[in-house]
Amino acid sequence: MKINRIQPMNVNPYERTSRVEKSTKATKKMDQVEISSAAKELQEAAKFSSERLEKVERLKSEVEAGTYTIDARAIAESVLRYYKR
């Protein structure tokens, strides 16, 4: 006796094609980008870093030239304000 392999029956081929159509429709949506608040803060900090870099370069040139002076009174007042908070 010869037994042939049983072929799978396509019970509802329409259902299979409708699933494929649904998945292709879902991929047509537009991508959206949202920037977090932390990223916005980092972007603002980058603006200040260029100003800070200019100040560091100015102070570096003053130190190398020997014209840099320290205002002890301003430093003391700043330290005092910090610890009074």
PDB file of N, CA and C in Angstrom:
ATOM      1  N   MET A   1       0.837  -1.163   0.000  1.00  0.00           N
ATOM      2  CA  MET A   1       0.000   0.000   0.000  1.00  0.00           C
ATOM      3  C   MET A   1       0.892   1.238   0.000  1.00  0.00           C
ATOM      4  N   LYS A   2       0.572   2.184  -0.844  1.00  0.00           N
ATOM      5  CA  LYS A   2       1.351   3.407  -0.971  1.00  0.00           C
ATOM      6  C   LYS A   2       0.594   4.548  -0.283  1.00  0.00           C
ATOM      7  N   ILE A   3       1.324   5.262   0.609  1.00  0.00           N
ATOM      8  CA  ILE A   3       0.706   6.397   1.301  1.00  0.00           C
ATOM      9  C   ILE A   3       1.345   7.671   0.764  1.00  0.00           C
ATOM     10  N   ASN A   4       0.534   8.494   0.211  1.00  0.00           N
ATOM     11  CA  ASN A   4       1.005   9.783  -0.298  1.00  0.00           C
ATOM     12  C   ASN A   4       0.972  10.830   0.818  1.00  0.00           C
ATOM     13  N   ARG A   5       1.875  11.737   0.697  1.00  0.00           N
ATOM     14  CA  ARG A   5       1.956  12.814   1.687  1.00  0.00           C
ATOM     15  C   ARG A   5       0.703  13.683   1.611  1.00  0.00           C
ATOM     16  N   ILE A   6       0.196  14.054   2.752  1.00  0.00           N
ATOM     17  CA  ILE A   6      -1.014  14.867   2.790  1.00  0.00           C
ATOM     18  C   ILE A   6      -0.613  16.327   2.567  1.00  0.00           C
ATOM     19  N   GLN A   7      -1.248  16.964   1.633  1.00  0.00           N
ATOM     20  CA  GLN A   7      -0.980  18.365   1.330  1.00  0.00           C
ATOM     21  C   GLN A   7      -1.757  19.249   2.306  1.00  0.00           C
ATOM     22  N   PRO A   8      -1.119  20.297   2.824  1.00  0.00           N
ATOM     23  CA  PRO A   8      -1.861  21.185   3.727  1.00  0.00           C
ATOM     24  C   PRO A   8      -2.972  21.896   2.958  1.00  0.00           C
ATOM     25  N   MET A   9      -4.081  22.009   3.604  1.00  0.00           N
ATOM     26  CA  MET A   9      -5.225  22.632   2.947  1.00  0.00           C
ATOM     27  C   MET A   9      -5.222  24.131   3.230  1.00  0.00           C
ATOM     28  N   ASN A  10      -5.486  24.884   2.227  1.00  0.00           N
ATOM     29  CA  ASN A  10      -5.626  26.322   2.397  1.00  0.00           C
ATOM     30  C   ASN A  10      -7.064  26.607   2.791  1.00  0.00           C
ATOM     31  N   VAL A  11      -7.276  26.708   4.074  1.00  0.00           N
ATOM     32  CA  VAL A  11      -8.624  26.863   4.585  1.00  0.00           C
ATOM     33  C   VAL A  11      -9.206  28.206   4.153  1.00  0.00           C
ATOM     34  N   ASN A  12      -8.448  29.258   4.389  1.00  0.00           N
ATOM     35  CA  ASN A  12      -8.945  30.573   4.014  1.00  0.00           C
ATOM     36  C   ASN A  12      -7.781  31.390   3.462  1.00  0.00           C
ATOM     37  N   PRO A  13      -7.479  31.285   2.197  1.00  0.00           N
ATOM     38  CA  PRO A  13      -6.343  32.015   1.645  1.00  0.00           C
ATOM     39  C   PRO A  13      -6.557  33.526   1.664  1.00  0.00           C
ATOM     40  N   TYR A  14      -7.805  33.988   1.693  1.00  0.00           N
ATOM     41  CA  TYR A  14      -8.086  35.422   1.736  1.00  0.00           C
ATOM     42  C   TYR A  14      -7.557  36.040   3.023  1.00  0.00           C
ATOM     43  N   GLU A  15      -7.696  35.324   4.130  1.00  0.00           N
ATOM     44  CA  GLU A  15      -7.237  35.839   5.421  1.00  0.00           C
ATOM     45  C   GLU A  15      -5.732  36.090   5.401  1.00  0.00           C
ATOM     46  N   ARG A  16      -4.992  35.196   4.780  1.00  0.00           N
ATOM     47  CA  ARG A  16      -3.550  35.343   4.702  1.00  0.00           C
ATOM     48  C   ARG A  16      -3.165  36.590   3.891  1.00  0.00           C
ATOM     49  N   THR A  17      -3.834  36.832   2.793  1.00  0.00           N
ATOM     50  CA  THR A  17      -3.507  38.003   1.971  1.00  0.00           C
ATOM     51  C   THR A  17      -3.933  39.291   2.648  1.00  0.00           C
ATOM     52  N   SER A  18      -5.012  39.285   3.401  1.00  0.00           N
ATOM     53  CA  SER A  18      -5.438  40.508   4.083  1.00  0.00           C
ATOM     54  C   SER A  18      -4.454  40.869   5.192  1.00  0.00           C
ATOM     55  N   ARG A  19      -3.856  39.887   5.838  1.00  0.00           N
ATOM     56  CA  ARG A  19      -2.843  40.159   6.858  1.00  0.00           C
ATOM     57  C   ARG A  19      -1.623  40.828   6.237  1.00  0.00           C
ATOM     58  N   VAL A  20      -1.237  40.388   5.070  1.00  0.00           N
ATOM     59  CA  VAL A  20      -0.092  40.976   4.382  1.00  0.00           C
ATOM     60  C   VAL A  20      -0.385  42.421   4.019  1.00  0.00           C
ATOM     61  N   GLU A  21      -1.593  42.703   3.554  1.00  0.00           N
ATOM     62  CA  GLU A  21      -1.976  44.062   3.198  1.00  0.00           C
ATOM     63  C   GLU A  21      -1.971  44.968   4.418  1.00  0.00           C
ATOM     64  N   LYS A  22      -2.425  44.475   5.550  1.00  0.00           N
ATOM     65  CA  LYS A  22      -2.432  45.272   6.774  1.00  0.00           C
ATOM     66  C   LYS A  22      -1.015  45.634   7.190  1.00  0.00           C
ATOM     67  N   SER A  23      -0.101  44.704   7.079  1.00  0.00           N
ATOM     68  CA  SER A  23       1.269  44.986   7.492  1.00  0.00           C
ATOM     69  C   SER A  23       1.934  45.991   6.565  1.00  0.00           C
ATOM     70  N   THR A  24       1.606  45.982   5.281  1.00  0.00           N
ATOM     71  CA  THR A  24       2.209  46.959   4.375  1.00  0.00           C
ATOM     72  C   THR A  24       1.632  48.341   4.611  1.00  0.00           C
ATOM     73  N   LYS A  25       0.366  48.418   4.997  1.00  0.00           N
ATOM     74  CA  LYS A  25      -0.229  49.718   5.309  1.00  0.00           C
ATOM     75  C   LYS A  25       0.407  50.316   6.559  1.00  0.00           C
ATOM     76  N   ALA A  26       0.754  49.494   7.506  1.00  0.00           N
ATOM     77  CA  ALA A  26       1.346  49.976   8.746  1.00  0.00           C
ATOM     78  C   ALA A  26       2.734  50.558   8.515  1.00  0.00           C
ATOM     79  N   THR A  27       3.446  50.082   7.524  1.00  0.00           N
ATOM     80  CA  THR A  27       4.796  50.575   7.282  1.00  0.00           C
ATOM     81  C   THR A  27       4.812  51.902   6.545  1.00  0.00           C
ATOM     82  N   LYS A  28       3.676  52.344   6.040  1.00  0.00           N
ATOM     83  CA  LYS A  28       3.627  53.595   5.300  1.00  0.00           C
ATOM     84  C   LYS A  28       3.500  54.815   6.202  1.00  0.00           C
ATOM     85  N   LYS A  29       3.467  54.638   7.509  1.00  0.00           N
ATOM     86  CA  LYS A  29       3.367  55.760   8.437  1.00  0.00           C
ATOM     87  C   LYS A  29       4.659  56.563   8.420  1.00  0.00           C
ATOM     88  N   MET A  30       4.527  57.835   8.708  1.00  0.00           N
ATOM     89  CA  MET A  30       5.683  58.731   8.739  1.00  0.00           C
ATOM     90  C   MET A  30       6.437  58.558  10.059  1.00  0.00           C
ATOM     91  N   ASP A  31       7.739  58.683  10.002  1.00  0.00           N
ATOM     92  CA  ASP A  31       8.558  58.634  11.203  1.00  0.00           C
ATOM     93  C   ASP A  31       8.475  59.967  11.929  1.00  0.00           C
ATOM     94  N   GLN A  32       8.548  59.908  13.237  1.00  0.00           N
ATOM     95  CA  GLN A  32       8.528  61.120  14.041  1.00  0.00           C
ATOM     96  C   GLN A  32       9.750  61.127  14.941  1.00  0.00           C
ATOM     97  N   VAL A  33      10.305  62.304  15.118  1.00  0.00           N
ATOM     98  CA  VAL A  33      11.467  62.462  15.979  1.00  0.00           C
ATOM     99  C   VAL A  33      11.098  63.425  17.094  1.00  0.00           C
ATOM    100  N   GLU A  34      11.426  63.043  18.314  1.00  0.00           N
ATOM    101  CA  GLU A  34      11.155  63.900  19.457  1.00  0.00           C
ATOM    102  C   GLU A  34      12.443  64.048  20.251  1.00  0.00           C
ATOM    103  N   ILE A  35      12.836  65.279  20.479  1.00  0.00           N
ATOM    104  CA  ILE A  35      14.076  65.552  21.209  1.00  0.00           C
ATOM    105  C   ILE A  35      13.736  65.697  22.687  1.00  0.00           C
ATOM    106  N   SER A  36      14.438  64.956  23.514  1.00  0.00           N
ATOM    107  CA  SER A  36      14.160  64.974  24.945  1.00  0.00           C
ATOM    108  C   SER A  36      14.639  66.278  25.569  1.00  0.00           C
ATOM    109  N   SER A  37      14.145  66.544  26.761  1.00  0.00           N
ATOM    110  CA  SER A  37      14.542  67.767  27.461  1.00  0.00           C
ATOM    111  C   SER A  37      16.020  67.714  27.842  1.00  0.00           C
ATOM    112  N   ALA A  38      16.533  66.527  28.126  1.00  0.00           N
ATOM    113  CA  ALA A  38      17.958  66.400  28.457  1.00  0.00           C
ATOM    114  C   ALA A  38      18.824  66.758  27.255  1.00  0.00           C
ATOM    115  N   ALA A  39      18.395  66.356  26.066  1.00  0.00           N
ATOM    116  CA  ALA A  39      19.151  66.690  24.855  1.00  0.00           C
ATOM    117  C   ALA A  39      19.112  68.186  24.593  1.00  0.00           C
ATOM    118  N   LYS A  40      17.977  68.814  24.874  1.00  0.00           N
ATOM    119  CA  LYS A  40      17.872  70.268  24.705  1.00  0.00           C
ATOM    120  C   LYS A  40      18.804  70.992  25.674  1.00  0.00           C
ATOM    121  N   GLU A  41      18.896  70.488  26.906  1.00  0.00           N
ATOM    122  CA  GLU A  41      19.799  71.091  27.886  1.00  0.00           C
ATOM    123  C   GLU A  41      21.252  70.942  27.441  1.00  0.00           C
ATOM    124  N   LEU A  42      21.600  69.788  26.893  1.00  0.00           N
ATOM    125  CA  LEU A  42      22.964  69.583  26.403  1.00  0.00           C
ATOM    126  C   LEU A  42      23.281  70.524  25.250  1.00  0.00           C
ATOM    127  N   GLN A  43      22.297  70.778  24.413  1.00  0.00           N
ATOM    128  CA  GLN A  43      22.499  71.689  23.293  1.00  0.00           C
ATOM    129  C   GLN A  43      22.743  73.107  23.807  1.00  0.00           C
ATOM    130  N   GLU A  44      22.017  73.518  24.836  1.00  0.00           N
ATOM    131  CA  GLU A  44      22.231  74.837  25.432  1.00  0.00           C
ATOM    132  C   GLU A  44      23.606  74.903  26.096  1.00  0.00           C
ATOM    133  N   ALA A  45      24.012  73.821  26.736  1.00  0.00           N
ATOM    134  CA  ALA A  45      25.315  73.793  27.402  1.00  0.00           C
ATOM    135  C   ALA A  45      26.445  73.901  26.388  1.00  0.00           C
ATOM    136  N   ALA A  46      26.252  73.381  25.202  1.00  0.00           N
ATOM    137  CA  ALA A  46      27.282  73.461  24.162  1.00  0.00           C
ATOM    138  C   ALA A  46      27.513  74.904  23.742  1.00  0.00           C
ATOM    139  N   LYS A  47      26.471  75.727  23.760  1.00  0.00           N
ATOM    140  CA  LYS A  47      26.625  77.144  23.430  1.00  0.00           C
ATOM    141  C   LYS A  47      27.518  77.830  24.459  1.00  0.00           C
ATOM    142  N   PHE A  48      27.308  77.487  25.726  1.00  0.00           N
ATOM    143  CA  PHE A  48      28.108  78.094  26.776  1.00  0.00           C
ATOM    144  C   PHE A  48      29.548  77.595  26.753  1.00  0.00           C
ATOM    145  N   SER A  49      29.766  76.390  26.288  1.00  0.00           N
ATOM    146  CA  SER A  49      31.117  75.844  26.278  1.00  0.00           C
ATOM    147  C   SER A  49      32.015  76.621  25.322  1.00  0.00           C
ATOM    148  N   SER A  50      31.472  77.157  24.230  1.00  0.00           N
ATOM    149  CA  SER A  50      32.298  77.957  23.321  1.00  0.00           C
ATOM    150  C   SER A  50      32.692  79.267  23.989  1.00  0.00           C
ATOM    151  N   GLU A  51      31.770  79.870  24.751  1.00  0.00           N
ATOM    152  CA  GLU A  51      32.097  81.085  25.495  1.00  0.00           C
ATOM    153  C   GLU A  51      33.139  80.771  26.565  1.00  0.00           C
ATOM    154  N   ARG A  52      32.974  79.654  27.210  1.00  0.00           N
ATOM    155  CA  ARG A  52      33.918  79.245  28.256  1.00  0.00           C
ATOM    156  C   ARG A  52      35.295  78.994  27.655  1.00  0.00           C
ATOM    157  N   LEU A  53      35.345  78.408  26.477  1.00  0.00           N
ATOM    158  CA  LEU A  53      36.607  78.138  25.799  1.00  0.00           C
ATOM    159  C   LEU A  53      37.343  79.440  25.496  1.00  0.00           C
ATOM    160  N   GLU A  54      36.604  80.460  25.063  1.00  0.00           N
ATOM    161  CA  GLU A  54      37.217  81.765  24.802  1.00  0.00           C
ATOM    162  C   GLU A  54      37.806  82.355  26.081  1.00  0.00           C
ATOM    163  N   LYS A  55      37.075  82.217  27.190  1.00  0.00           N
ATOM    164  CA  LYS A  55      37.558  82.740  28.472  1.00  0.00           C
ATOM    165  C   LYS A  55      38.816  81.995  28.913  1.00  0.00           C
ATOM    166  N   VAL A  56      38.822  80.682  28.735  1.00  0.00           N
ATOM    167  CA  VAL A  56      39.992  79.879  29.111  1.00  0.00           C
ATOM    168  C   VAL A  56      41.206  80.286  28.282  1.00  0.00           C
ATOM    169  N   GLU A  57      41.008  80.505  26.988  1.00  0.00           N
ATOM    170  CA  GLU A  57      42.116  80.928  26.120  1.00  0.00           C
ATOM    171  C   GLU A  57      42.654  82.294  26.539  1.00  0.00           C
ATOM    172  N   ARG A  58      41.739  83.208  26.914  1.00  0.00           N
ATOM    173  CA  ARG A  58      42.163  84.538  27.359  1.00  0.00           C
ATOM    174  C   ARG A  58      42.979  84.435  28.649  1.00  0.00           C
ATOM    175  N   LEU A  59      42.481  83.636  29.596  1.00  0.00           N
ATOM    176  CA  LEU A  59      43.205  83.470  30.860  1.00  0.00           C
ATOM    177  C   LEU A  59      44.548  82.781  30.638  1.00  0.00           C
ATOM    178  N   LYS A  60      44.590  81.833  29.735  1.00  0.00           N
ATOM    179  CA  LYS A  60      45.834  81.121  29.433  1.00  0.00           C
ATOM    180  C   LYS A  60      46.883  82.080  28.879  1.00  0.00           C
ATOM    181  N   SER A  61      46.454  82.960  27.983  1.00  0.00           N
ATOM    182  CA  SER A  61      47.408  83.917  27.413  1.00  0.00           C
ATOM    183  C   SER A  61      47.873  84.916  28.463  1.00  0.00           C
ATOM    184  N   GLU A  62      46.977  85.321  29.392  1.00  0.00           N
ATOM    185  CA  GLU A  62      47.373  86.233  30.471  1.00  0.00           C
ATOM    186  C   GLU A  62      48.389  85.570  31.397  1.00  0.00           C
ATOM    187  N   VAL A  63      48.180  84.291  31.712  1.00  0.00           N
ATOM    188  CA  VAL A  63      49.116  83.578  32.590  1.00  0.00           C
ATOM    189  C   VAL A  63      50.478  83.452  31.918  1.00  0.00           C
ATOM    190  N   GLU A  64      50.481  83.115  30.624  1.00  0.00           N
ATOM    191  CA  GLU A  64      51.749  82.974  29.908  1.00  0.00           C
ATOM    192  C   GLU A  64      52.487  84.304  29.799  1.00  0.00           C
ATOM    193  N   ALA A  65      51.733  85.398  29.673  1.00  0.00           N
ATOM    194  CA  ALA A  65      52.353  86.719  29.554  1.00  0.00           C
ATOM    195  C   ALA A  65      52.752  87.276  30.919  1.00  0.00           C
ATOM    196  N   GLY A  66      52.222  86.691  32.003  1.00  0.00           N
ATOM    197  CA  GLY A  66      52.550  87.164  33.341  1.00  0.00           C
ATOM    198  C   GLY A  66      51.692  88.340  33.774  1.00  0.00           C
ATOM    199  N   THR A  67      50.600  88.605  33.099  1.00  0.00           N
ATOM    200  CA  THR A  67      49.734  89.737  33.443  1.00  0.00           C
ATOM    201  C   THR A  67      48.483  89.312  34.206  1.00  0.00           C
ATOM    202  N   TYR A  68      48.346  88.036  34.514  1.00  0.00           N
ATOM    203  CA  TYR A  68      47.164  87.546  35.219  1.00  0.00           C
ATOM    204  C   TYR A  68      47.275  87.893  36.694  1.00  0.00           C
ATOM    205  N   THR A  69      46.236  88.549  37.226  1.00  0.00           N
ATOM    206  CA  THR A  69      46.208  88.893  38.650  1.00  0.00           C
ATOM    207  C   THR A  69      44.955  88.287  39.273  1.00  0.00           C
ATOM    208  N   ILE A  70      45.088  87.889  40.525  1.00  0.00           N
ATOM    209  CA  ILE A  70      43.988  87.262  41.243  1.00  0.00           C
ATOM    210  C   ILE A  70      43.390  88.282  42.198  1.00  0.00           C
ATOM    211  N   ASP A  71      42.072  88.436  42.156  1.00  0.00           N
ATOM    212  CA  ASP A  71      41.372  89.335  43.071  1.00  0.00           C
ATOM    213  C   ASP A  71      40.945  88.510  44.282  1.00  0.00           C
ATOM    214  N   ALA A  72      41.726  88.575  45.350  1.00  0.00           N
ATOM    215  CA  ALA A  72      41.487  87.762  46.541  1.00  0.00           C
ATOM    216  C   ALA A  72      40.159  88.123  47.194  1.00  0.00           C
ATOM    217  N   ARG A  73      39.809  89.393  47.182  1.00  0.00           N
ATOM    218  CA  ARG A  73      38.556  89.831  47.801  1.00  0.00           C
ATOM    219  C   ARG A  73      37.345  89.197  47.077  1.00  0.00           C
ATOM    220  N   ALA A  74      37.357  89.183  45.756  1.00  0.00           N
ATOM    221  CA  ALA A  74      36.247  88.604  44.992  1.00  0.00           C
ATOM    222  C   ALA A  74      36.135  87.104  45.247  1.00  0.00           C
ATOM    223  N   ILE A  75      37.261  86.425  45.360  1.00  0.00           N
ATOM    224  CA  ILE A  75      37.244  84.985  45.642  1.00  0.00           C
ATOM    225  C   ILE A  75      36.683  84.726  47.034  1.00  0.00           C
ATOM    226  N   ALA A  76      37.113  85.513  48.023  1.00  0.00           N
ATOM    227  CA  ALA A  76      36.631  85.345  49.390  1.00  0.00           C
ATOM    228  C   ALA A  76      35.124  85.596  49.470  1.00  0.00           C
ATOM    229  N   GLU A  77      34.635  86.618  48.793  1.00  0.00           N
ATOM    230  CA  GLU A  77      33.200  86.905  48.797  1.00  0.00           C
ATOM    231  C   GLU A  77      32.414  85.775  48.133  1.00  0.00           C
ATOM    232  N   SER A  78      32.955  85.221  47.079  1.00  0.00           N
ATOM    233  CA  SER A  78      32.292  84.126  46.384  1.00  0.00           C
ATOM    234  C   SER A  78      32.221  82.879  47.267  1.00  0.00           C
ATOM    235  N   VAL A  79      33.297  82.571  47.963  1.00  0.00           N
ATOM    236  CA  VAL A  79      33.322  81.418  48.867  1.00  0.00           C
ATOM    237  C   VAL A  79      32.339  81.641  50.008  1.00  0.00           C
ATOM    238  N   LEU A  80      32.295  82.840  50.535  1.00  0.00           N
ATOM    239  CA  LEU A  80      31.387  83.166  51.627  1.00  0.00           C
ATOM    240  C   LEU A  80      29.925  83.029  51.188  1.00  0.00           C
ATOM    241  N   ARG A  81      29.595  83.526  50.010  1.00  0.00           N
ATOM    242  CA  ARG A  81      28.228  83.389  49.481  1.00  0.00           C
ATOM    243  C   ARG A  81      27.859  81.915  49.303  1.00  0.00           C
ATOM    244  N   TYR A  82      28.807  81.122  48.858  1.00  0.00           N
ATOM    245  CA  TYR A  82      28.552  79.695  48.630  1.00  0.00           C
ATOM    246  C   TYR A  82      28.191  78.992  49.938  1.00  0.00           C
ATOM    247  N   TYR A  83      28.932  79.264  50.999  1.00  0.00           N
ATOM    248  CA  TYR A  83      28.695  78.570  52.263  1.00  0.00           C
ATOM    249  C   TYR A  83      27.531  79.152  53.053  1.00  0.00           C
ATOM    250  N   LYS A  84      27.082  80.355  52.724  1.00  0.00           N
ATOM    251  CA  LYS A  84      25.914  80.928  53.395  1.00  0.00           C
ATOM    252  C   LYS A  84      24.612  80.356  52.857  1.00  0.00           C
ATOM    253  N   ARG A  85      24.634  79.768  51.691  1.00  0.00           N
ATOM    254  CA  ARG A  85      23.398  79.223  51.112  1.00  0.00           C
ATOM    255  C   ARG A  85      22.869  78.130  51.924  1.00  0.00           C
TER     256      ARG A  85
END
